[in-house]
């Protein structure tokens, strides 16, 4: 044997021992073993979830606070609509603003007694027409006209349905 061959045998034996330890370490790893073990064919009985529905009551607000809140939301959505029309923003933004403004107008109407609700109908019908005009204006060519209509609706609501004028007609 040559002098260098003895050193090679020790290196090979050391490498083999190292490989054995590495293989035992990998096989001993829980996730590795779990990955290659067979799952049982029996279905495990899962814990059955029980859902008890609860009705959300919302914050306790008086009718006047609620009306003022809807009025404030309507005003901000109406302003947003007017800005979107004047700046020529996307059709989706204009439609969303108009829908939210209309929704808050309807909520305001529902809080009034029947005699006062009749006064809201023309405003809501104008808002519905404006919404359909905005939906139909694909290219935004009527933005200026629609903005003026939205401003007129805003002025009419501010004149006729501000809280001090309407407070006696709340349900």
Foldseek 3Di string as FASTA:
>chain_A
DDPVVVVVVVVVVVVVVVVVVVVVVQCPDPVNVVVPDDDDPDDDDDDDDDDDDDDDPDDDDDLLVVLVVLVVQLVVLLVQLLVCLVVVHALVSNLVSLVSNLVSLVVNLVQFDPVCSVVSVVLSVLSVVLNVVSVVCRPSPCSVVSSVSSVVSVVVCVVQPDCVNRVVGGD
